[in-house]
Amino acid sequence: MSDRRERFREQTIAEVKEHALAQVAEAGATGVSVNAIAKRMGVTGPALYRYFASRDALLTALISDAYHDLADAVTEATTGAAGQRARAYAAAFRGWALAQPHRYLLLFGTPVPGYQAPEDTIAAANRAMTVLLTVFDDTGRKPGPELPGQLRDELATWGARAGHGDRSPAELHWALTAWSRLHGLVSLEVTEQFGPMGISAGALYEREVDELVAELPG
C-alpha cells in the first residue's frame, strides 16, 4: 500500500471514529450507526465497511482507544510521583472521566445489548490496573494479614491471568477494592447523582482516597 493510500486510510478511520464518538456523546453507545456516519461523510455504508466490518468492530475500536487513553493518563500522572502514586492515580482517573464522560460511560456504563468485547479490549483495560499496582513499588510496605482461602486463591488466579503474578494477594485485593470504590464514586458523579443530594462529589472523592491510602497493606 502506498504512503498516500495509507494516509487516506488513517484519515478516514480517524474521521469515522470522530463521528462515532459524537454519536456516543449524543445517544450513548447504542446510538452508534455506521450507516448514519456514512451519510454524514457523504459516502455509502458499504464504503465504510471496508474500514470497520461491523458496528461492533467500530465499538471495539472506540473502547480499545478509550482504555489505552485512560491508561496513558494515569501512567503519565503516576510517573515520578514517588510516595504519592495512589493520590496521583485517583486524581487522573477522575479527571479523565469528567473531561470526557461519554467515553467513560462507553467503558463502564450500561452494556450494549448483544455486544461482546473481544480479548484484546480486556488486555487494554488491564493496563490501568497495572498502573494502580505500582503504588506499592515505593511504599516499602509488606503484605498485610492473610486473606480467606477462597478469596486468596481467586485473586492469585486472576493476578496470574492478568499478568500480575508477581503481586501478592493482599496487593491485588487492595488494588481491586480501590478501583471498585473509585469507579463507584466517579460513576455516580458522571451521571450527576450527587447534585440533588447537595453533596460535593470532589470532597467525597478526596475523603475516599484518604481512606484508601490509609488502608494500603502493611
Foldseek 3Di string as FASTA:
>chain_A
DDPVVVVVLVVVLVQLLVVQLVQLVVPNLLRRDLQVSCVVVVHGSVVCCVNPVDSLSSLLVLLLVLLQVLLVQLLVQQVVVAPCSLVSNLVSNLVSCVVRVSSVCSHVNDDDPPHDHDPVSVLSNLSSLVSLLCNVVRPPADAADDDPDVQQVVLCVVCVVNVNNVDHSRSSVLSVVLVVVSSVLSVCVSVPVCVVVVDDSVVVSVVSSVVSVVPRGD
